[in-house]
Amino acid sequence: MKDVQCDEIWSFIQKKEKLVQTDDDPHFGDACCFVAIECHSKLDRATPEGERYSPAEVVSTEVVPICGQPDPKRICTSHVDGQTLTMRTNIRRFTRLTNGL
């Protein structure tokens, strides 16, 4: 992995955290969805004309903590911000009244 871009999308389940009552379902309240893209190998690039893109099947996942000293000149979130905007636009749970920049 060369460059990983990370972001989170905040939403809520049933009601916002500040409105949750003590007798409410413990699953109610704030929820975050974490999104990460390795921008050099992402699979959402355009395909040749006439071909349809089919996503690969996920066979396993593995959590691996990575620490390091990132180069400030290479810090960028353009790819992952585009992905979170697509998620906010297409998944009703994550929609907002406006797109704020």
PDB file of N, CA and C in Angstrom:
ATOM      1  N   MET A   1       0.845  -1.184   0.000  1.00  0.00           N
ATOM      2  CA  MET A   1       0.000   0.000   0.000  1.00  0.00           C
ATOM      3  C   MET A   1       0.881   1.234   0.000  1.00  0.00           C
ATOM      4  N   LYS A   2       0.629   2.117  -0.946  1.00  0.00           N
ATOM      5  CA  LYS A   2       1.405   3.350  -1.004  1.00  0.00           C
ATOM      6  C   LYS A   2       0.718   4.489  -0.264  1.00  0.00           C
ATOM      7  N   ASP A   3      -0.471   4.843  -0.730  1.00  0.00           N
ATOM      8  CA  ASP A   3      -1.184   5.984  -0.148  1.00  0.00           C
ATOM      9  C   ASP A   3      -2.604   5.567   0.217  1.00  0.00           C
ATOM     10  N   VAL A   4      -2.908   5.547   1.515  1.00  0.00           N
ATOM     11  CA  VAL A   4      -4.238   5.199   1.987  1.00  0.00           C
ATOM     12  C   VAL A   4      -4.925   6.484   2.425  1.00  0.00           C
ATOM     13  N   GLN A   5      -6.130   6.687   1.907  1.00  0.00           N
ATOM     14  CA  GLN A   5      -6.931   7.838   2.302  1.00  0.00           C
ATOM     15  C   GLN A   5      -8.065   7.341   3.181  1.00  0.00           C
ATOM     16  N   CYS A   6      -8.281   7.992   4.325  1.00  0.00           N
ATOM     17  CA  CYS A   6      -9.295   7.558   5.295  1.00  0.00           C
ATOM     18  C   CYS A   6     -10.241   8.702   5.618  1.00  0.00           C
ATOM     19  N   ASP A   7     -11.472   8.353   5.915  1.00  0.00           N
ATOM     20  CA  ASP A   7     -12.482   9.339   6.299  1.00  0.00           C
ATOM     21  C   ASP A   7     -13.560   8.609   7.085  1.00  0.00           C
ATOM     22  N   GLU A   8     -14.435   9.365   7.734  1.00  0.00           N
ATOM     23  CA  GLU A   8     -15.574   8.745   8.392  1.00  0.00           C
ATOM     24  C   GLU A   8     -16.826   9.525   8.022  1.00  0.00           C
ATOM     25  N   ILE A   9     -17.946   8.805   8.040  1.00  0.00           N
ATOM     26  CA  ILE A   9     -19.245   9.424   7.787  1.00  0.00           C
ATOM     27  C   ILE A   9     -20.046   9.277   9.065  1.00  0.00           C
ATOM     28  N   TRP A  10     -20.496  10.394   9.608  1.00  0.00           N
ATOM     29  CA  TRP A  10     -21.311  10.369  10.819  1.00  0.00           C
ATOM     30  C   TRP A  10     -22.775  10.263  10.433  1.00  0.00           C
ATOM     31  N   SER A  11     -23.517   9.501  11.187  1.00  0.00           N
ATOM     32  CA  SER A  11     -24.961   9.401  11.032  1.00  0.00           C
ATOM     33  C   SER A  11     -25.517   9.039  12.402  1.00  0.00           C
ATOM     34  N   PHE A  12     -26.769   8.652  12.443  1.00  0.00           N
ATOM     35  CA  PHE A  12     -27.352   8.223  13.707  1.00  0.00           C
ATOM     36  C   PHE A  12     -28.366   7.128  13.447  1.00  0.00           C
ATOM     37  N   ILE A  13     -28.650   6.363  14.484  1.00  0.00           N
ATOM     38  CA  ILE A  13     -29.646   5.303  14.414  1.00  0.00           C
ATOM     39  C   ILE A  13     -30.845   5.736  15.243  1.00  0.00           C
ATOM     40  N   GLN A  14     -31.979   5.895  14.600  1.00  0.00           N
ATOM     41  CA  GLN A  14     -33.260   6.271  15.186  1.00  0.00           C
ATOM     42  C   GLN A  14     -33.289   7.728  15.665  1.00  0.00           C
ATOM     43  N   LYS A  15     -32.315   8.142  16.463  1.00  0.00           N
ATOM     44  CA  LYS A  15     -32.271   9.528  16.954  1.00  0.00           C
ATOM     45  C   LYS A  15     -30.836   9.912  17.284  1.00  0.00           C
ATOM     46  N   LYS A  16     -30.584  11.221  17.287  1.00  0.00           N
ATOM     47  CA  LYS A  16     -29.241  11.702  17.605  1.00  0.00           C
ATOM     48  C   LYS A  16     -28.911  11.419  19.067  1.00  0.00           C
ATOM     49  N   GLU A  17     -27.620  11.269  19.339  1.00  0.00           N
ATOM     50  CA  GLU A  17     -27.138  10.876  20.675  1.00  0.00           C
ATOM     51  C   GLU A  17     -27.702  11.765  21.780  1.00  0.00           C
ATOM     52  N   LYS A  18     -27.786  13.065  21.549  1.00  0.00           N
ATOM     53  CA  LYS A  18     -28.249  13.982  22.595  1.00  0.00           C
ATOM     54  C   LYS A  18     -29.730  13.801  22.934  1.00  0.00           C
ATOM     55  N   LEU A  19     -30.490  13.096  22.076  1.00  0.00           N
ATOM     56  CA  LEU A  19     -31.912  12.872  22.328  1.00  0.00           C
ATOM     57  C   LEU A  19     -32.218  11.474  22.860  1.00  0.00           C
ATOM     58  N   VAL A  20     -31.198  10.641  23.020  1.00  0.00           N
ATOM     59  CA  VAL A  20     -31.396   9.275  23.505  1.00  0.00           C
ATOM     60  C   VAL A  20     -31.769   9.309  24.985  1.00  0.00           C
ATOM     61  N   GLN A  21     -32.844   8.576  25.325  1.00  0.00           N
ATOM     62  CA  GLN A  21     -33.308   8.465  26.711  1.00  0.00           C
ATOM     63  C   GLN A  21     -32.722   7.196  27.330  1.00  0.00           C
ATOM     64  N   THR A  22     -32.689   7.136  28.627  1.00  0.00           N
ATOM     65  CA  THR A  22     -32.118   5.970  29.314  1.00  0.00           C
ATOM     66  C   THR A  22     -32.897   4.685  29.040  1.00  0.00           C
ATOM     67  N   ASP A  23     -34.197   4.796  28.736  1.00  0.00           N
ATOM     68  CA  ASP A  23     -34.995   3.599  28.471  1.00  0.00           C
ATOM     69  C   ASP A  23     -35.059   3.239  26.978  1.00  0.00           C
ATOM     70  N   ASP A  24     -34.328   3.962  26.117  1.00  0.00           N
ATOM     71  CA  ASP A  24     -34.274   3.657  24.684  1.00  0.00           C
ATOM     72  C   ASP A  24     -33.403   2.432  24.417  1.00  0.00           C
ATOM     73  N   ASP A  25     -33.585   1.872  23.254  1.00  0.00           N
ATOM     74  CA  ASP A  25     -32.746   0.760  22.802  1.00  0.00           C
ATOM     75  C   ASP A  25     -31.280   1.199  22.867  1.00  0.00           C
ATOM     76  N   PRO A  26     -30.377   0.374  23.402  1.00  0.00           N
ATOM     77  CA  PRO A  26     -28.964   0.774  23.513  1.00  0.00           C
ATOM     78  C   PRO A  26     -28.277   0.972  22.161  1.00  0.00           C
ATOM     79  N   HIS A  27     -28.894   0.504  21.069  1.00  0.00           N
ATOM     80  CA  HIS A  27     -28.313   0.696  19.743  1.00  0.00           C
ATOM     81  C   HIS A  27     -28.651   2.063  19.141  1.00  0.00           C
ATOM     82  N   PHE A  28     -29.564   2.816  19.743  1.00  0.00           N
ATOM     83  CA  PHE A  28     -29.929   4.136  19.238  1.00  0.00           C
ATOM     84  C   PHE A  28     -28.799   5.126  19.508  1.00  0.00           C
ATOM     85  N   GLY A  29     -28.676   6.123  18.656  1.00  0.00           N
ATOM     86  CA  GLY A  29     -27.703   7.198  18.864  1.00  0.00           C
ATOM     87  C   GLY A  29     -26.735   7.335  17.713  1.00  0.00           C
ATOM     88  N   ASP A  30     -25.638   8.011  17.965  1.00  0.00           N
ATOM     89  CA  ASP A  30     -24.646   8.298  16.936  1.00  0.00           C
ATOM     90  C   ASP A  30     -24.012   7.026  16.383  1.00  0.00           C
ATOM     91  N   ALA A  31     -23.666   7.081  15.099  1.00  0.00           N
ATOM     92  CA  ALA A  31     -22.996   5.954  14.447  1.00  0.00           C
ATOM     93  C   ALA A  31     -22.028   6.516  13.408  1.00  0.00           C
ATOM     94  N   CYS A  32     -20.861   5.916  13.288  1.00  0.00           N
ATOM     95  CA  CYS A  32     -19.878   6.323  12.292  1.00  0.00           C
ATOM     96  C   CYS A  32     -19.556   5.154  11.369  1.00  0.00           C
ATOM     97  N   CYS A  33     -19.381   5.471  10.102  1.00  0.00           N
ATOM     98  CA  CYS A  33     -18.939   4.489   9.115  1.00  0.00           C
ATOM     99  C   CYS A  33     -17.564   4.939   8.655  1.00  0.00           C
ATOM    100  N   PHE A  34     -16.557   4.098   8.824  1.00  0.00           N
ATOM    101  CA  PHE A  34     -15.200   4.451   8.446  1.00  0.00           C
ATOM    102  C   PHE A  34     -14.908   3.933   7.039  1.00  0.00           C
ATOM    103  N   VAL A  35     -14.338   4.789   6.205  1.00  0.00           N
ATOM    104  CA  VAL A  35     -14.075   4.478   4.802  1.00  0.00           C
ATOM    105  C   VAL A  35     -12.589   4.683   4.535  1.00  0.00           C
ATOM    106  N   ALA A  36     -11.958   3.760   3.811  1.00  0.00           N
ATOM    107  CA  ALA A  36     -10.548   3.887   3.440  1.00  0.00           C
ATOM    108  C   ALA A  36     -10.360   3.394   2.013  1.00  0.00           C
ATOM    109  N   ILE A  37      -9.506   4.078   1.267  1.00  0.00           N
ATOM    110  CA  ILE A  37      -9.194   3.708  -0.118  1.00  0.00           C
ATOM    111  C   ILE A  37      -7.689   3.794  -0.307  1.00  0.00           C
ATOM    112  N   GLU A  38      -7.118   2.762  -0.912  1.00  0.00           N
ATOM    113  CA  GLU A  38      -5.721   2.823  -1.346  1.00  0.00           C
ATOM    114  C   GLU A  38      -5.791   3.359  -2.769  1.00  0.00           C
ATOM    115  N   CYS A  39      -5.395   4.627  -2.937  1.00  0.00           N
ATOM    116  CA  CYS A  39      -5.720   5.345  -4.175  1.00  0.00           C
ATOM    117  C   CYS A  39      -4.968   4.858  -5.414  1.00  0.00           C
ATOM    118  N   HIS A  40      -3.940   4.040  -5.298  1.00  0.00           N
ATOM    119  CA  HIS A  40      -3.234   3.558  -6.488  1.00  0.00           C
ATOM    120  C   HIS A  40      -3.840   2.271  -7.045  1.00  0.00           C
ATOM    121  N   SER A  41      -4.560   1.504  -6.222  1.00  0.00           N
ATOM    122  CA  SER A  41      -5.113   0.238  -6.701  1.00  0.00           C
ATOM    123  C   SER A  41      -6.638   0.215  -6.656  1.00  0.00           C
ATOM    124  N   LYS A  42      -7.279   1.364  -6.463  1.00  0.00           N
ATOM    125  CA  LYS A  42      -8.740   1.376  -6.360  1.00  0.00           C
ATOM    126  C   LYS A  42      -9.375   0.777  -7.613  1.00  0.00           C
ATOM    127  N   LEU A  43     -10.527   0.151  -7.439  1.00  0.00           N
ATOM    128  CA  LEU A  43     -11.160  -0.565  -8.533  1.00  0.00           C
ATOM    129  C   LEU A  43     -12.250   0.234  -9.230  1.00  0.00           C
ATOM    130  N   ASP A  44     -12.421   1.521  -8.868  1.00  0.00           N
ATOM    131  CA  ASP A  44     -13.519   2.274  -9.460  1.00  0.00           C
ATOM    132  C   ASP A  44     -13.103   3.103 -10.679  1.00  0.00           C
ATOM    133  N   ARG A  45     -11.947   2.831 -11.250  1.00  0.00           N
ATOM    134  CA  ARG A  45     -11.541   3.587 -12.437  1.00  0.00           C
ATOM    135  C   ARG A  45     -12.346   3.119 -13.648  1.00  0.00           C
ATOM    136  N   ALA A  46     -12.392   3.925 -14.696  1.00  0.00           N
ATOM    137  CA  ALA A  46     -13.208   3.631 -15.880  1.00  0.00           C
ATOM    138  C   ALA A  46     -12.730   2.343 -16.554  1.00  0.00           C
ATOM    139  N   THR A  47     -13.690   1.610 -17.124  1.00  0.00           N
ATOM    140  CA  THR A  47     -13.366   0.385 -17.852  1.00  0.00           C
ATOM    141  C   THR A  47     -13.439   0.659 -19.352  1.00  0.00           C
ATOM    142  N   PRO A  48     -12.843  -0.185 -20.235  1.00  0.00           N
ATOM    143  CA  PRO A  48     -12.923   0.010 -21.701  1.00  0.00           C
ATOM    144  C   PRO A  48     -14.365   0.010 -22.174  1.00  0.00           C
ATOM    145  N   GLU A  49     -14.652   0.743 -23.240  1.00  0.00           N
ATOM    146  CA  GLU A  49     -16.009   0.890 -23.774  1.00  0.00           C
ATOM    147  C   GLU A  49     -16.634  -0.481 -24.049  1.00  0.00           C
ATOM    148  N   GLY A  50     -17.902  -0.642 -23.694  1.00  0.00           N
ATOM    149  CA  GLY A  50     -18.615  -1.880 -23.944  1.00  0.00           C
ATOM    150  C   GLY A  50     -18.513  -2.896 -22.818  1.00  0.00           C
ATOM    151  N   GLU A  51     -17.629  -2.695 -21.868  1.00  0.00           N
ATOM    152  CA  GLU A  51     -17.491  -3.630 -20.746  1.00  0.00           C
ATOM    153  C   GLU A  51     -18.153  -3.044 -19.515  1.00  0.00           C
ATOM    154  N   ARG A  52     -18.772  -3.901 -18.734  1.00  0.00           N
ATOM    155  CA  ARG A  52     -19.356  -3.469 -17.470  1.00  0.00           C
ATOM    156  C   ARG A  52     -18.402  -3.829 -16.338  1.00  0.00           C
ATOM    157  N   TYR A  53     -18.321  -2.959 -15.370  1.00  0.00           N
ATOM    158  CA  TYR A  53     -17.483  -3.213 -14.193  1.00  0.00           C
ATOM    159  C   TYR A  53     -18.263  -4.057 -13.205  1.00  0.00           C
ATOM    160  N   SER A  54     -17.696  -5.124 -12.750  1.00  0.00           N
ATOM    161  CA  SER A  54     -18.278  -5.947 -11.696  1.00  0.00           C
ATOM    162  C   SER A  54     -17.288  -5.982 -10.542  1.00  0.00           C
ATOM    163  N   PRO A  55     -17.739  -5.583  -9.338  1.00  0.00           N
ATOM    164  CA  PRO A  55     -16.810  -5.581  -8.209  1.00  0.00           C
ATOM    165  C   PRO A  55     -16.353  -6.988  -7.841  1.00  0.00           C
ATOM    166  N   ALA A  56     -15.147  -7.072  -7.332  1.00  0.00           N
ATOM    167  CA  ALA A  56     -14.608  -8.362  -6.892  1.00  0.00           C
ATOM    168  C   ALA A  56     -15.345  -8.828  -5.641  1.00  0.00           C
ATOM    169  N   GLU A  57     -15.374 -10.121  -5.415  1.00  0.00           N
ATOM    170  CA  GLU A  57     -15.987 -10.685  -4.225  1.00  0.00           C
ATOM    171  C   GLU A  57     -15.003 -10.574  -3.060  1.00  0.00           C
ATOM    172  N   VAL A  58     -15.482 -10.105  -1.913  1.00  0.00           N
ATOM    173  CA  VAL A  58     -14.642 -10.014  -0.721  1.00  0.00           C
ATOM    174  C   VAL A  58     -14.584 -11.397  -0.088  1.00  0.00           C
ATOM    175  N   VAL A  59     -13.377 -11.939   0.030  1.00  0.00           N
ATOM    176  CA  VAL A  59     -13.228 -13.278   0.599  1.00  0.00           C
ATOM    177  C   VAL A  59     -12.780 -13.239   2.055  1.00  0.00           C
ATOM    178  N   SER A  60     -12.141 -12.142   2.465  1.00  0.00           N
ATOM    179  CA  SER A  60     -11.765 -12.010   3.863  1.00  0.00           C
ATOM    180  C   SER A  60     -11.348 -10.570   4.142  1.00  0.00           C
ATOM    181  N   THR A  61     -11.310 -10.230   5.405  1.00  0.00           N
ATOM    182  CA  THR A  61     -10.804  -8.927   5.830  1.00  0.00           C
ATOM    183  C   THR A  61      -9.850  -9.151   6.994  1.00  0.00           C
ATOM    184  N   GLU A  62      -8.948  -8.219   7.170  1.00  0.00           N
ATOM    185  CA  GLU A  62      -7.968  -8.335   8.243  1.00  0.00           C
ATOM    186  C   GLU A  62      -7.629  -6.932   8.731  1.00  0.00           C
ATOM    187  N   VAL A  63      -7.673  -6.721  10.019  1.00  0.00           N
ATOM    188  CA  VAL A  63      -7.320  -5.436  10.615  1.00  0.00           C
ATOM    189  C   VAL A  63      -5.836  -5.466  10.955  1.00  0.00           C
ATOM    190  N   VAL A  64      -5.080  -4.531  10.369  1.00  0.00           N
ATOM    191  CA  VAL A  64      -3.650  -4.463  10.610  1.00  0.00           C
ATOM    192  C   VAL A  64      -3.305  -3.013  10.978  1.00  0.00           C
ATOM    193  N   PRO A  65      -2.934  -2.763  12.227  1.00  0.00           N
ATOM    194  CA  PRO A  65      -2.552  -1.396  12.600  1.00  0.00           C
ATOM    195  C   PRO A  65      -1.262  -0.991  11.886  1.00  0.00           C
ATOM    196  N   ILE A  66      -1.261   0.219  11.347  1.00  0.00           N
ATOM    197  CA  ILE A  66      -0.088   0.728  10.639  1.00  0.00           C
ATOM    198  C   ILE A  66       0.270   2.079  11.248  1.00  0.00           C
ATOM    199  N   CYS A  67       1.505   2.246  11.618  1.00  0.00           N
ATOM    200  CA  CYS A  67       1.996   3.507  12.162  1.00  0.00           C
ATOM    201  C   CYS A  67       3.162   3.964  11.298  1.00  0.00           C
ATOM    202  N   GLY A  68       3.376   5.239  11.249  1.00  0.00           N
ATOM    203  CA  GLY A  68       4.492   5.726  10.459  1.00  0.00           C
ATOM    204  C   GLY A  68       4.611   7.230  10.520  1.00  0.00           C
ATOM    205  N   GLN A  69       5.452   7.756   9.684  1.00  0.00           N
ATOM    206  CA  GLN A  69       5.694   9.182   9.575  1.00  0.00           C
ATOM    207  C   GLN A  69       5.275   9.631   8.177  1.00  0.00           C
ATOM    208  N   PRO A  70       3.996   9.990   7.970  1.00  0.00           N
ATOM    209  CA  PRO A  70       3.549  10.365   6.628  1.00  0.00           C
ATOM    210  C   PRO A  70       4.232  11.640   6.141  1.00  0.00           C
ATOM    211  N   ASP A  71       4.478  11.684   4.843  1.00  0.00           N
ATOM    212  CA  ASP A  71       5.051  12.868   4.205  1.00  0.00           C
ATOM    213  C   ASP A  71       3.931  13.890   4.028  1.00  0.00           C
ATOM    214  N   PRO A  72       3.986  15.045   4.710  1.00  0.00           N
ATOM    215  CA  PRO A  72       2.917  16.041   4.615  1.00  0.00           C
ATOM    216  C   PRO A  72       2.625  16.485   3.177  1.00  0.00           C
ATOM    217  N   LYS A  73       3.592  16.400   2.286  1.00  0.00           N
ATOM    218  CA  LYS A  73       3.372  16.802   0.895  1.00  0.00           C
ATOM    219  C   LYS A  73       2.476  15.808   0.153  1.00  0.00           C
ATOM    220  N   ARG A  74       2.346  14.580   0.670  1.00  0.00           N
ATOM    221  CA  ARG A  74       1.549  13.552  -0.006  1.00  0.00           C
ATOM    222  C   ARG A  74       0.159  13.375   0.616  1.00  0.00           C
ATOM    223  N   ILE A  75      -0.143  14.141   1.658  1.00  0.00           N
ATOM    224  CA  ILE A  75      -1.443  14.011   2.310  1.00  0.00           C
ATOM    225  C   ILE A  75      -2.526  14.569   1.388  1.00  0.00           C
ATOM    226  N   CYS A  76      -3.534  13.750   1.124  1.00  0.00           N
ATOM    227  CA  CYS A  76      -4.614  14.121   0.212  1.00  0.00           C
ATOM    228  C   CYS A  76      -5.835  13.270   0.564  1.00  0.00           C
ATOM    229  N   THR A  77      -7.028  13.833   0.411  1.00  0.00           N
ATOM    230  CA  THR A  77      -8.251  13.075   0.664  1.00  0.00           C
ATOM    231  C   THR A  77      -9.228  13.148  -0.500  1.00  0.00           C
ATOM    232  N   SER A  78      -8.761  13.519  -1.682  1.00  0.00           N
ATOM    233  CA  SER A  78      -9.673  13.727  -2.806  1.00  0.00           C
ATOM    234  C   SER A  78     -10.419  12.465  -3.217  1.00  0.00           C
ATOM    235  N   HIS A  79      -9.770  11.309  -3.237  1.00  0.00           N
ATOM    236  CA  HIS A  79     -10.441  10.078  -3.643  1.00  0.00           C
ATOM    237  C   HIS A  79     -11.478   9.630  -2.606  1.00  0.00           C
ATOM    238  N   VAL A  80     -11.105   9.636  -1.345  1.00  0.00           N
ATOM    239  CA  VAL A  80     -12.024   9.171  -0.311  1.00  0.00           C
ATOM    240  C   VAL A  80     -13.165  10.169  -0.116  1.00  0.00           C
ATOM    241  N   ASP A  81     -12.930  11.460  -0.302  1.00  0.00           N
ATOM    242  CA  ASP A  81     -14.012  12.440  -0.213  1.00  0.00           C
ATOM    243  C   ASP A  81     -15.031  12.220  -1.324  1.00  0.00           C
ATOM    244  N   GLY A  82     -14.561  11.871  -2.504  1.00  0.00           N
ATOM    245  CA  GLY A  82     -15.480  11.544  -3.598  1.00  0.00           C
ATOM    246  C   GLY A  82     -16.321  10.327  -3.272  1.00  0.00           C
ATOM    247  N   GLN A  83     -15.697   9.328  -2.635  1.00  0.00           N
ATOM    248  CA  GLN A  83     -16.422   8.117  -2.246  1.00  0.00           C
ATOM    249  C   GLN A  83     -17.456   8.412  -1.174  1.00  0.00           C
ATOM    250  N   THR A  84     -17.110   9.223  -0.180  1.00  0.00           N
ATOM    251  CA  THR A  84     -18.082   9.534   0.871  1.00  0.00           C
ATOM    252  C   THR A  84     -19.237  10.364   0.312  1.00  0.00           C
ATOM    253  N   LEU A  85     -18.969  11.255  -0.648  1.00  0.00           N
ATOM    254  CA  LEU A  85     -20.049  12.013  -1.280  1.00  0.00           C
ATOM    255  C   LEU A  85     -20.992  11.064  -2.022  1.00  0.00           C
ATOM    256  N   THR A  86     -20.431  10.090  -2.734  1.00  0.00           N
ATOM    257  CA  THR A  86     -21.260   9.102  -3.427  1.00  0.00           C
ATOM    258  C   THR A  86     -22.115   8.325  -2.436  1.00  0.00           C
ATOM    259  N   MET A  87     -21.532   7.945  -1.311  1.00  0.00           N
ATOM    260  CA  MET A  87     -22.294   7.217  -0.290  1.00  0.00           C
ATOM    261  C   MET A  87     -23.399   8.099   0.281  1.00  0.00           C
ATOM    262  N   ARG A  88     -23.091   9.360   0.580  1.00  0.00           N
ATOM    263  CA  ARG A  88     -24.099  10.280   1.120  1.00  0.00           C
ATOM    264  C   ARG A  88     -25.235  10.511   0.128  1.00  0.00           C
ATOM    265  N   THR A  89     -24.907  10.518  -1.163  1.00  0.00           N
ATOM    266  CA  THR A  89     -25.905  10.760  -2.193  1.00  0.00           C
ATOM    267  C   THR A  89     -26.792   9.546  -2.423  1.00  0.00           C
ATOM    268  N   ASN A  90     -26.238   8.341  -2.330  1.00  0.00           N
ATOM    269  CA  ASN A  90     -26.955   7.132  -2.722  1.00  0.00           C
ATOM    270  C   ASN A  90     -27.491   6.268  -1.586  1.00  0.00           C
ATOM    271  N   ILE A  91     -27.046   6.483  -0.369  1.00  0.00           N
ATOM    272  CA  ILE A  91     -27.523   5.692   0.763  1.00  0.00           C
ATOM    273  C   ILE A  91     -28.357   6.605   1.654  1.00  0.00           C
ATOM    274  N   ARG A  92     -29.643   6.331   1.706  1.00  0.00           N
ATOM    275  CA  ARG A  92     -30.581   7.216   2.403  1.00  0.00           C
ATOM    276  C   ARG A  92     -30.183   7.496   3.847  1.00  0.00           C
ATOM    277  N   ARG A  93     -29.647   6.530   4.552  1.00  0.00           N
ATOM    278  CA  ARG A  93     -29.253   6.725   5.946  1.00  0.00           C
ATOM    279  C   ARG A  93     -28.216   7.848   6.103  1.00  0.00           C
ATOM    280  N   PHE A  94     -27.394   8.066   5.096  1.00  0.00           N
ATOM    281  CA  PHE A  94     -26.310   9.042   5.207  1.00  0.00           C
ATOM    282  C   PHE A  94     -26.616  10.389   4.557  1.00  0.00           C
ATOM    283  N   THR A  95     -27.803  10.565   3.977  1.00  0.00           N
ATOM    284  CA  THR A  95     -28.085  11.818   3.251  1.00  0.00           C
ATOM    285  C   THR A  95     -28.162  13.001   4.197  1.00  0.00           C
ATOM    286  N   ARG A  96     -27.891  14.164   3.640  1.00  0.00           N
ATOM    287  CA  ARG A  96     -28.005  15.430   4.348  1.00  0.00           C
ATOM    288  C   ARG A  96     -28.918  16.351   3.566  1.00  0.00           C
ATOM    289  N   LEU A  97     -29.350  17.432   4.202  1.00  0.00           N
ATOM    290  CA  LEU A  97     -30.193  18.387   3.489  1.00  0.00           C
ATOM    291  C   LEU A  97     -29.415  19.164   2.437  1.00  0.00           C
ATOM    292  N   THR A  98     -28.131  19.401   2.692  1.00  0.00           N
ATOM    293  CA  THR A  98     -27.297  20.143   1.731  1.00  0.00           C
ATOM    294  C   THR A  98     -25.907  19.496   1.672  1.00  0.00           C
ATOM    295  N   ASN A  99     -25.182  19.792   0.614  1.00  0.00           N
ATOM    296  CA  ASN A  99     -23.782  19.405   0.530  1.00  0.00           C
ATOM    297  C   ASN A  99     -22.943  20.580   0.990  1.00  0.00           C
ATOM    298  N   GLY A 100     -22.275  20.438   2.112  1.00  0.00           N
ATOM    299  CA  GLY A 100     -21.424  21.500   2.629  1.00  0.00           C
ATOM    300  C   GLY A 100     -19.969  21.201   2.354  1.00  0.00           C
ATOM    301  N   LEU A 101     -19.211  22.204   1.997  1.00  0.00           N
ATOM    302  CA  LEU A 101     -17.788  22.035   1.727  1.00  0.00           C
ATOM    303  C   LEU A 101     -16.975  22.794   2.753  1.00  0.00           C
TER     304      LEU A 101
END
